Amino acid sequence: MDMNYDILSYDELPADEAAMFKADAEEAERGYTDEQLSEALKRTPGRPLAVGSTPASNVIRVRLDDERDAKLERYMRKHHMSRSNAVRTLLDKALAEI
């Protein structure tokens, strides 16, 4: 199967996507620590079978407004986490008080 691809510039992308790609490129240009690379190699692709002491069988869908979504994106980037892992981590922090 032949596939054709178009090469786009940042100017041709929606502003939020262009900003995301630029931030990712800048992060890659700065480089990663040995620790970050080591952690990345430990991860396996796909969904985790367990994310705690029990299998990960519960799925939660939630709608976020733009402001919360942007905050979550910043948290994910700062801590080099997937969206799901960031949500789990933040839930653990919030629920630790209970």
PDB file of N, CA and C in Angstrom:
ATOM      1  N   MET A   1       0.842  -1.161   0.000  1.00  0.00           N
ATOM      2  CA  MET A   1       0.000   0.000   0.000  1.00  0.00           C
ATOM      3  C   MET A   1       0.900   1.241   0.000  1.00  0.00           C
ATOM      4  N   ASP A   2       0.735   2.083  -1.006  1.00  0.00           N
ATOM      5  CA  ASP A   2       1.475   3.339  -1.073  1.00  0.00           C
ATOM      6  C   ASP A   2       0.771   4.388  -0.240  1.00  0.00           C
ATOM      7  N   MET A   3       1.551   5.117   0.535  1.00  0.00           N
ATOM      8  CA  MET A   3       0.972   6.174   1.356  1.00  0.00           C
ATOM      9  C   MET A   3       1.649   7.482   0.990  1.00  0.00           C
ATOM     10  N   ASN A   4       0.872   8.506   0.867  1.00  0.00           N
ATOM     11  CA  ASN A   4       1.391   9.834   0.593  1.00  0.00           C
ATOM     12  C   ASN A   4       1.298  10.675   1.855  1.00  0.00           C
ATOM     13  N   TYR A   5       2.346  11.419   2.110  1.00  0.00           N
ATOM     14  CA  TYR A   5       2.381  12.257   3.293  1.00  0.00           C
ATOM     15  C   TYR A   5       2.633  13.700   2.879  1.00  0.00           C
ATOM     16  N   ASP A   6       2.017  14.615   3.558  1.00  0.00           N
ATOM     17  CA  ASP A   6       2.276  16.034   3.374  1.00  0.00           C
ATOM     18  C   ASP A   6       3.132  16.511   4.531  1.00  0.00           C
ATOM     19  N   ILE A   7       4.122  17.323   4.223  1.00  0.00           N
ATOM     20  CA  ILE A   7       4.956  17.904   5.259  1.00  0.00           C
ATOM     21  C   ILE A   7       4.394  19.293   5.568  1.00  0.00           C
ATOM     22  N   LEU A   8       4.062  19.504   6.816  1.00  0.00           N
ATOM     23  CA  LEU A   8       3.477  20.766   7.239  1.00  0.00           C
ATOM     24  C   LEU A   8       4.479  21.571   8.046  1.00  0.00           C
ATOM     25  N   SER A   9       4.345  22.864   7.989  1.00  0.00           N
ATOM     26  CA  SER A   9       5.153  23.725   8.847  1.00  0.00           C
ATOM     27  C   SER A   9       4.328  24.042  10.090  1.00  0.00           C
ATOM     28  N   TYR A  10       4.986  24.605  11.096  1.00  0.00           N
ATOM     29  CA  TYR A  10       4.272  24.969  12.315  1.00  0.00           C
ATOM     30  C   TYR A  10       3.113  25.920  11.998  1.00  0.00           C
ATOM     31  N   ASP A  11       3.310  26.779  11.007  1.00  0.00           N
ATOM     32  CA  ASP A  11       2.280  27.768  10.650  1.00  0.00           C
ATOM     33  C   ASP A  11       1.001  27.128  10.141  1.00  0.00           C
ATOM     34  N   GLU A  12       1.081  25.909   9.631  1.00  0.00           N
ATOM     35  CA  GLU A  12      -0.088  25.246   9.063  1.00  0.00           C
ATOM     36  C   GLU A  12      -0.848  24.405  10.086  1.00  0.00           C
ATOM     37  N   LEU A  13      -0.327  24.325  11.301  1.00  0.00           N
ATOM     38  CA  LEU A  13      -0.971  23.544  12.357  1.00  0.00           C
ATOM     39  C   LEU A  13      -1.822  24.461  13.229  1.00  0.00           C
ATOM     40  N   PRO A  14      -2.824  23.891  13.909  1.00  0.00           N
ATOM     41  CA  PRO A  14      -3.540  24.688  14.910  1.00  0.00           C
ATOM     42  C   PRO A  14      -2.542  25.165  15.960  1.00  0.00           C
ATOM     43  N   ALA A  15      -2.781  26.326  16.521  1.00  0.00           N
ATOM     44  CA  ALA A  15      -1.835  26.948  17.454  1.00  0.00           C
ATOM     45  C   ALA A  15      -1.452  26.030  18.614  1.00  0.00           C
ATOM     46  N   ASP A  16      -2.429  25.309  19.188  1.00  0.00           N
ATOM     47  CA  ASP A  16      -2.113  24.443  20.334  1.00  0.00           C
ATOM     48  C   ASP A  16      -1.220  23.274  19.927  1.00  0.00           C
ATOM     49  N   GLU A  17      -1.449  22.714  18.729  1.00  0.00           N
ATOM     50  CA  GLU A  17      -0.600  21.613  18.262  1.00  0.00           C
ATOM     51  C   GLU A  17       0.799  22.106  17.935  1.00  0.00           C
ATOM     52  N   ALA A  18       0.896  23.273  17.303  1.00  0.00           N
ATOM     53  CA  ALA A  18       2.205  23.839  16.988  1.00  0.00           C
ATOM     54  C   ALA A  18       3.004  24.082  18.263  1.00  0.00           C
ATOM     55  N   ALA A  19       2.344  24.617  19.287  1.00  0.00           N
ATOM     56  CA  ALA A  19       3.016  24.862  20.569  1.00  0.00           C
ATOM     57  C   ALA A  19       3.485  23.554  21.190  1.00  0.00           C
ATOM     58  N   MET A  20       2.659  22.511  21.103  1.00  0.00           N
ATOM     59  CA  MET A  20       3.024  21.211  21.659  1.00  0.00           C
ATOM     60  C   MET A  20       4.260  20.652  20.946  1.00  0.00           C
ATOM     61  N   PHE A  21       4.262  20.697  19.602  1.00  0.00           N
ATOM     62  CA  PHE A  21       5.404  20.185  18.839  1.00  0.00           C
ATOM     63  C   PHE A  21       6.666  20.992  19.127  1.00  0.00           C
ATOM     64  N   LYS A  22       6.529  22.304  19.210  1.00  0.00           N
ATOM     65  CA  LYS A  22       7.682  23.141  19.518  1.00  0.00           C
ATOM     66  C   LYS A  22       8.251  22.818  20.891  1.00  0.00           C
ATOM     67  N   ALA A  23       7.369  22.648  21.874  1.00  0.00           N
ATOM     68  CA  ALA A  23       7.826  22.314  23.235  1.00  0.00           C
ATOM     69  C   ALA A  23       8.523  20.957  23.247  1.00  0.00           C
ATOM     70  N   ASP A  24       7.960  19.979  22.539  1.00  0.00           N
ATOM     71  CA  ASP A  24       8.589  18.656  22.473  1.00  0.00           C
ATOM     72  C   ASP A  24       9.958  18.728  21.803  1.00  0.00           C
ATOM     73  N   ALA A  25      10.059  19.501  20.721  1.00  0.00           N
ATOM     74  CA  ALA A  25      11.334  19.645  20.013  1.00  0.00           C
ATOM     75  C   ALA A  25      12.369  20.323  20.897  1.00  0.00           C
ATOM     76  N   GLU A  26      11.962  21.359  21.624  1.00  0.00           N
ATOM     77  CA  GLU A  26      12.892  22.054  22.522  1.00  0.00           C
ATOM     78  C   GLU A  26      13.368  21.124  23.628  1.00  0.00           C
ATOM     79  N   GLU A  27      12.449  20.318  24.161  1.00  0.00           N
ATOM     80  CA  GLU A  27      12.824  19.356  25.206  1.00  0.00           C
ATOM     81  C   GLU A  27      13.837  18.355  24.665  1.00  0.00           C
ATOM     82  N   ALA A  28      13.592  17.851  23.463  1.00  0.00           N
ATOM     83  CA  ALA A  28      14.511  16.881  22.862  1.00  0.00           C
ATOM     84  C   ALA A  28      15.873  17.519  22.588  1.00  0.00           C
ATOM     85  N   GLU A  29      15.868  18.766  22.155  1.00  0.00           N
ATOM     86  CA  GLU A  29      17.121  19.473  21.887  1.00  0.00           C
ATOM     87  C   GLU A  29      17.950  19.644  23.152  1.00  0.00           C
ATOM     88  N   ARG A  30      17.285  19.880  24.279  1.00  0.00           N
ATOM     89  CA  ARG A  30      18.007  20.016  25.557  1.00  0.00           C
ATOM     90  C   ARG A  30      18.630  18.689  25.970  1.00  0.00           C
ATOM     91  N   GLY A  31      18.021  17.603  25.533  1.00  0.00           N
ATOM     92  CA  GLY A  31      18.520  16.288  25.881  1.00  0.00           C
ATOM     93  C   GLY A  31      17.868  15.753  27.140  1.00  0.00           C
ATOM     94  N   TYR A  32      18.135  14.485  27.418  1.00  0.00           N
ATOM     95  CA  TYR A  32      17.543  13.807  28.564  1.00  0.00           C
ATOM     96  C   TYR A  32      18.648  13.277  29.456  1.00  0.00           C
ATOM     97  N   THR A  33      18.341  13.193  30.739  1.00  0.00           N
ATOM     98  CA  THR A  33      19.324  12.665  31.686  1.00  0.00           C
ATOM     99  C   THR A  33      19.401  11.150  31.526  1.00  0.00           C
ATOM    100  N   ASP A  34      20.477  10.589  32.022  1.00  0.00           N
ATOM    101  CA  ASP A  34      20.613   9.137  31.995  1.00  0.00           C
ATOM    102  C   ASP A  34      19.462   8.471  32.746  1.00  0.00           C
ATOM    103  N   GLU A  35      19.039   9.100  33.833  1.00  0.00           N
ATOM    104  CA  GLU A  35      17.935   8.550  34.628  1.00  0.00           C
ATOM    105  C   GLU A  35      16.637   8.522  33.812  1.00  0.00           C
ATOM    106  N   GLN A  36      16.346   9.618  33.087  1.00  0.00           N
ATOM    107  CA  GLN A  36      15.133   9.670  32.266  1.00  0.00           C
ATOM    108  C   GLN A  36      15.177   8.601  31.174  1.00  0.00           C
ATOM    109  N   LEU A  37      16.321   8.441  30.541  1.00  0.00           N
ATOM    110  CA  LEU A  37      16.444   7.443  29.488  1.00  0.00           C
ATOM    111  C   LEU A  37      16.318   6.029  30.053  1.00  0.00           C
ATOM    112  N   SER A  38      16.911   5.805  31.217  1.00  0.00           N
ATOM    113  CA  SER A  38      16.822   4.501  31.862  1.00  0.00           C
ATOM    114  C   SER A  38      15.375   4.155  32.199  1.00  0.00           C
ATOM    115  N   GLU A  39      14.626   5.125  32.735  1.00  0.00           N
ATOM    116  CA  GLU A  39      13.213   4.905  33.060  1.00  0.00           C
ATOM    117  C   GLU A  39      12.396   4.626  31.805  1.00  0.00           C
ATOM    118  N   ALA A  40      12.697   5.342  30.740  1.00  0.00           N
ATOM    119  CA  ALA A  40      11.963   5.147  29.486  1.00  0.00           C
ATOM    120  C   ALA A  40      12.183   3.743  28.936  1.00  0.00           C
ATOM    121  N   LEU A  41      13.384   3.217  29.084  1.00  0.00           N
ATOM    122  CA  LEU A  41      13.673   1.875  28.588  1.00  0.00           C
ATOM    123  C   LEU A  41      12.970   0.793  29.399  1.00  0.00           C
ATOM    124  N   LYS A  42      12.656   1.082  30.649  1.00  0.00           N
ATOM    125  CA  LYS A  42      11.975   0.107  31.507  1.00  0.00           C
ATOM    126  C   LYS A  42      10.510  -0.053  31.137  1.00  0.00           C
ATOM    127  N   ARG A  43       9.929   0.994  30.560  1.00  0.00           N
ATOM    128  CA  ARG A  43       8.505   0.953  30.230  1.00  0.00           C
ATOM    129  C   ARG A  43       8.259   0.041  29.044  1.00  0.00           C
ATOM    130  N   THR A  44       7.173  -0.673  29.120  1.00  0.00           N
ATOM    131  CA  THR A  44       6.774  -1.509  27.993  1.00  0.00           C
ATOM    132  C   THR A  44       5.625  -0.825  27.273  1.00  0.00           C
ATOM    133  N   PRO A  45       5.521  -1.016  25.971  1.00  0.00           N
ATOM    134  CA  PRO A  45       4.435  -0.370  25.246  1.00  0.00           C
ATOM    135  C   PRO A  45       3.078  -0.968  25.606  1.00  0.00           C
ATOM    136  N   GLY A  46       2.040  -0.195  25.421  1.00  0.00           N
ATOM    137  CA  GLY A  46       0.694  -0.693  25.673  1.00  0.00           C
ATOM    138  C   GLY A  46       0.181  -0.317  27.040  1.00  0.00           C
ATOM    139  N   ARG A  47      -1.021  -0.735  27.294  1.00  0.00           N
ATOM    140  CA  ARG A  47      -1.656  -0.425  28.568  1.00  0.00           C
ATOM    141  C   ARG A  47      -1.111  -1.329  29.671  1.00  0.00           C
ATOM    142  N   PRO A  48      -0.905  -0.771  30.856  1.00  0.00           N
ATOM    143  CA  PRO A  48      -0.401  -1.607  31.948  1.00  0.00           C
ATOM    144  C   PRO A  48      -1.479  -2.573  32.433  1.00  0.00           C
ATOM    145  N   LEU A  49      -1.070  -3.782  32.734  1.00  0.00           N
ATOM    146  CA  LEU A  49      -2.021  -4.761  33.270  1.00  0.00           C
ATOM    147  C   LEU A  49      -2.347  -4.447  34.714  1.00  0.00           C
ATOM    148  N   ALA A  50      -1.396  -3.884  35.406  1.00  0.00           N
ATOM    149  CA  ALA A  50      -1.619  -3.505  36.801  1.00  0.00           C
ATOM    150  C   ALA A  50      -0.969  -2.145  37.038  1.00  0.00           C
ATOM    151  N   VAL A  51      -1.648  -1.329  37.785  1.00  0.00           N
ATOM    152  CA  VAL A  51      -1.110  -0.004  38.115  1.00  0.00           C
ATOM    153  C   VAL A  51      -1.261   0.216  39.606  1.00  0.00           C
ATOM    154  N   GLY A  52      -0.840  -0.728  40.324  1.00  0.00           N
ATOM    155  CA  GLY A  52      -0.976  -0.693  41.773  1.00  0.00           C
ATOM    156  C   GLY A  52      -0.968  -2.123  42.264  1.00  0.00           C
ATOM    157  N   SER A  53      -1.731  -2.385  43.299  1.00  0.00           N
ATOM    158  CA  SER A  53      -1.737  -3.727  43.884  1.00  0.00           C
ATOM    159  C   SER A  53      -2.747  -4.656  43.218  1.00  0.00           C
ATOM    160  N   THR A  54      -3.590  -4.128  42.342  1.00  0.00           N
ATOM    161  CA  THR A  54      -4.597  -4.953  41.670  1.00  0.00           C
ATOM    162  C   THR A  54      -4.588  -4.662  40.171  1.00  0.00           C
ATOM    163  N   PRO A  55      -5.185  -5.548  39.370  1.00  0.00           N
ATOM    164  CA  PRO A  55      -5.254  -5.284  37.931  1.00  0.00           C
ATOM    165  C   PRO A  55      -6.006  -3.985  37.639  1.00  0.00           C
ATOM    166  N   ALA A  56      -5.603  -3.321  36.571  1.00  0.00           N
ATOM    167  CA  ALA A  56      -6.234  -2.055  36.176  1.00  0.00           C
ATOM    168  C   ALA A  56      -7.470  -2.360  35.335  1.00  0.00           C
ATOM    169  N   SER A  57      -8.600  -2.544  35.981  1.00  0.00           N
ATOM    170  CA  SER A  57      -9.807  -2.926  35.249  1.00  0.00           C
ATOM    171  C   SER A  57     -10.883  -1.843  35.256  1.00  0.00           C
ATOM    172  N   ASN A  58     -10.685  -0.788  36.021  1.00  0.00           N
ATOM    173  CA  ASN A  58     -11.681   0.284  36.109  1.00  0.00           C
ATOM    174  C   ASN A  58     -11.300   1.442  35.198  1.00  0.00           C
ATOM    175  N   VAL A  59     -12.243   1.864  34.379  1.00  0.00           N
ATOM    176  CA  VAL A  59     -12.022   2.970  33.452  1.00  0.00           C
ATOM    177  C   VAL A  59     -12.923   4.130  33.863  1.00  0.00           C
ATOM    178  N   ILE A  60     -12.351   5.319  33.919  1.00  0.00           N
ATOM    179  CA  ILE A  60     -13.107   6.518  34.262  1.00  0.00           C
ATOM    180  C   ILE A  60     -12.996   7.489  33.098  1.00  0.00           C
ATOM    181  N   ARG A  61     -14.122   7.984  32.640  1.00  0.00           N
ATOM    182  CA  ARG A  61     -14.130   9.020  31.603  1.00  0.00           C
ATOM    183  C   ARG A  61     -14.577  10.314  32.251  1.00  0.00           C
ATOM    184  N   VAL A  62     -13.844  11.372  31.969  1.00  0.00           N
ATOM    185  CA  VAL A  62     -14.184  12.658  32.564  1.00  0.00           C
ATOM    186  C   VAL A  62     -13.972  13.751  31.517  1.00  0.00           C
ATOM    187  N   ARG A  63     -14.837  14.732  31.528  1.00  0.00           N
ATOM    188  CA  ARG A  63     -14.687  15.880  30.629  1.00  0.00           C
ATOM    189  C   ARG A  63     -13.979  16.997  31.381  1.00  0.00           C
ATOM    190  N   LEU A  64     -13.015  17.624  30.711  1.00  0.00           N
ATOM    191  CA  LEU A  64     -12.265  18.722  31.311  1.00  0.00           C
ATOM    192  C   LEU A  64     -12.455  19.981  30.492  1.00  0.00           C
ATOM    193  N   ASP A  65     -12.548  21.113  31.180  1.00  0.00           N
ATOM    194  CA  ASP A  65     -12.569  22.388  30.474  1.00  0.00           C
ATOM    195  C   ASP A  65     -11.144  22.673  30.000  1.00  0.00           C
ATOM    196  N   ASP A  66     -10.979  23.662  29.144  1.00  0.00           N
ATOM    197  CA  ASP A  66      -9.676  23.967  28.555  1.00  0.00           C
ATOM    198  C   ASP A  66      -8.620  24.310  29.601  1.00  0.00           C
ATOM    199  N   GLU A  67      -9.016  25.030  30.648  1.00  0.00           N
ATOM    200  CA  GLU A  67      -8.048  25.433  31.665  1.00  0.00           C
ATOM    201  C   GLU A  67      -7.491  24.216  32.419  1.00  0.00           C
ATOM    202  N   ARG A  68      -8.355  23.324  32.839  1.00  0.00           N
ATOM    203  CA  ARG A  68      -7.886  22.117  33.541  1.00  0.00           C
ATOM    204  C   ARG A  68      -7.056  21.238  32.615  1.00  0.00           C
ATOM    205  N   ASP A  69      -7.489  21.120  31.362  1.00  0.00           N
ATOM    206  CA  ASP A  69      -6.751  20.295  30.410  1.00  0.00           C
ATOM    207  C   ASP A  69      -5.347  20.859  30.199  1.00  0.00           C
ATOM    208  N   ALA A  70      -5.227  22.177  30.109  1.00  0.00           N
ATOM    209  CA  ALA A  70      -3.917  22.811  29.939  1.00  0.00           C
ATOM    210  C   ALA A  70      -3.034  22.568  31.166  1.00  0.00           C
ATOM    211  N   LYS A  71      -3.619  22.652  32.351  1.00  0.00           N
ATOM    212  CA  LYS A  71      -2.855  22.393  33.575  1.00  0.00           C
ATOM    213  C   LYS A  71      -2.367  20.941  33.605  1.00  0.00           C
ATOM    214  N   LEU A  72      -3.237  20.028  33.199  1.00  0.00           N
ATOM    215  CA  LEU A  72      -2.853  18.615  33.164  1.00  0.00           C
ATOM    216  C   LEU A  72      -1.729  18.410  32.152  1.00  0.00           C
ATOM    217  N   GLU A  73      -1.815  19.039  30.998  1.00  0.00           N
ATOM    218  CA  GLU A  73      -0.754  18.950  29.983  1.00  0.00           C
ATOM    219  C   GLU A  73       0.570  19.446  30.536  1.00  0.00           C
ATOM    220  N   ARG A  74       0.549  20.581  31.234  1.00  0.00           N
ATOM    221  CA  ARG A  74       1.788  21.116  31.817  1.00  0.00           C
ATOM    222  C   ARG A  74       2.365  20.145  32.841  1.00  0.00           C
ATOM    223  N   TYR A  75       1.509  19.558  33.678  1.00  0.00           N
ATOM    224  CA  TYR A  75       1.960  18.594  34.681  1.00  0.00           C
ATOM    225  C   TYR A  75       2.595  17.379  33.998  1.00  0.00           C
ATOM    226  N   MET A  76       1.930  16.882  32.944  1.00  0.00           N
ATOM    227  CA  MET A  76       2.444  15.715  32.220  1.00  0.00           C
ATOM    228  C   MET A  76       3.836  15.987  31.661  1.00  0.00           C
ATOM    229  N   ARG A  77       3.990  17.150  31.032  1.00  0.00           N
ATOM    230  CA  ARG A  77       5.278  17.495  30.430  1.00  0.00           C
ATOM    231  C   ARG A  77       6.367  17.666  31.496  1.00  0.00           C
ATOM    232  N   LYS A  78       6.010  18.369  32.556  1.00  0.00           N
ATOM    233  CA  LYS A  78       6.988  18.629  33.613  1.00  0.00           C
ATOM    234  C   LYS A  78       7.503  17.329  34.219  1.00  0.00           C
ATOM    235  N   HIS A  79       6.606  16.349  34.372  1.00  0.00           N
ATOM    236  CA  HIS A  79       6.966  15.093  35.033  1.00  0.00           C
ATOM    237  C   HIS A  79       7.174  13.938  34.055  1.00  0.00           C
ATOM    238  N   HIS A  80       7.130  14.237  32.759  1.00  0.00           N
ATOM    239  CA  HIS A  80       7.368  13.223  31.718  1.00  0.00           C
ATOM    240  C   HIS A  80       6.469  12.004  31.923  1.00  0.00           C
ATOM    241  N   MET A  81       5.167  12.275  31.990  1.00  0.00           N
ATOM    242  CA  MET A  81       4.182  11.218  32.250  1.00  0.00           C
ATOM    243  C   MET A  81       3.146  11.163  31.141  1.00  0.00           C
ATOM    244  N   SER A  82       2.543  10.003  31.008  1.00  0.00           N
ATOM    245  CA  SER A  82       1.381   9.886  30.140  1.00  0.00           C
ATOM    246  C   SER A  82       0.197  10.539  30.837  1.00  0.00           C
ATOM    247  N   ARG A  83      -0.850  10.805  30.097  1.00  0.00           N
ATOM    248  CA  ARG A  83      -2.055  11.408  30.664  1.00  0.00           C
ATOM    249  C   ARG A  83      -2.619  10.510  31.768  1.00  0.00           C
ATOM    250  N   SER A  84      -2.729   9.218  31.487  1.00  0.00           N
ATOM    251  CA  SER A  84      -3.293   8.296  32.482  1.00  0.00           C
ATOM    252  C   SER A  84      -2.456   8.250  33.746  1.00  0.00           C
ATOM    253  N   ASN A  85      -1.138   8.176  33.581  1.00  0.00           N
ATOM    254  CA  ASN A  85      -0.270   8.107  34.753  1.00  0.00           C
ATOM    255  C   ASN A  85      -0.337   9.404  35.554  1.00  0.00           C
ATOM    256  N   ALA A  86      -0.427  10.533  34.874  1.00  0.00           N
ATOM    257  CA  ALA A  86      -0.546  11.810  35.573  1.00  0.00           C
ATOM    258  C   ALA A  86      -1.846  11.869  36.374  1.00  0.00           C
ATOM    259  N   VAL A  87      -2.945  11.423  35.775  1.00  0.00           N
ATOM    260  CA  VAL A  87      -4.230  11.432  36.483  1.00  0.00           C
ATOM    261  C   VAL A  87      -4.167  10.510  37.693  1.00  0.00           C
ATOM    262  N   ARG A  88      -3.587   9.315  37.531  1.00  0.00           N
ATOM    263  CA  ARG A  88      -3.461   8.393  38.673  1.00  0.00           C
ATOM    264  C   ARG A  88      -2.631   9.018  39.783  1.00  0.00           C
ATOM    265  N   THR A  89      -1.509   9.632  39.415  1.00  0.00           N
ATOM    266  CA  THR A  89      -0.631  10.253  40.406  1.00  0.00           C
ATOM    267  C   THR A  89      -1.334  11.373  41.146  1.00  0.00           C
ATOM    268  N   LEU A  90      -2.039  12.230  40.411  1.00  0.00           N
ATOM    269  CA  LEU A  90      -2.745  13.334  41.034  1.00  0.00           C
ATOM    270  C   LEU A  90      -3.896  12.835  41.899  1.00  0.00           C
ATOM    271  N   LEU A  91      -4.589  11.783  41.472  1.00  0.00           N
ATOM    272  CA  LEU A  91      -5.638  11.193  42.306  1.00  0.00           C
ATOM    273  C   LEU A  91      -5.060  10.650  43.601  1.00  0.00           C
ATOM    274  N   ASP A  92      -3.918   9.947  43.490  1.00  0.00           N
ATOM    275  CA  ASP A  92      -3.272   9.408  44.697  1.00  0.00           C
ATOM    276  C   ASP A  92      -2.934  10.526  45.677  1.00  0.00           C
ATOM    277  N   LYS A  93      -2.414  11.645  45.151  1.00  0.00           N
ATOM    278  CA  LYS A  93      -2.071  12.775  46.030  1.00  0.00           C
ATOM    279  C   LYS A  93      -3.317  13.346  46.696  1.00  0.00           C
ATOM    280  N   ALA A  94      -4.375  13.517  45.912  1.00  0.00           N
ATOM    281  CA  ALA A  94      -5.603  14.105  46.451  1.00  0.00           C
ATOM    282  C   ALA A  94      -6.290  13.170  47.451  1.00  0.00           C
ATOM    283  N   LEU A  95      -6.228  11.869  47.193  1.00  0.00           N
ATOM    284  CA  LEU A  95      -6.930  10.906  48.047  1.00  0.00           C
ATOM    285  C   LEU A  95      -6.098  10.434  49.240  1.00  0.00           C
ATOM    286  N   ALA A  96      -4.840  10.854  49.308  1.00  0.00           N
ATOM    287  CA  ALA A  96      -3.973  10.443  50.419  1.00  0.00           C
ATOM    288  C   ALA A  96      -4.502  10.952  51.757  1.00  0.00           C
ATOM    289  N   GLU A  97      -5.267  12.032  51.708  1.00  0.00           N
ATOM    290  CA  GLU A  97      -5.777  12.631  52.927  1.00  0.00           C
ATOM    291  C   GLU A  97      -6.972  11.833  53.501  1.00  0.00           C
ATOM    292  N   ILE A  98      -7.579  10.995  52.692  1.00  0.00           N
ATOM    293  CA  ILE A  98      -8.780  10.269  53.119  1.00  0.00           C
ATOM    294  C   ILE A  98      -8.424   9.036  53.901  1.00  0.00           C
TER     295      ILE A  98
END
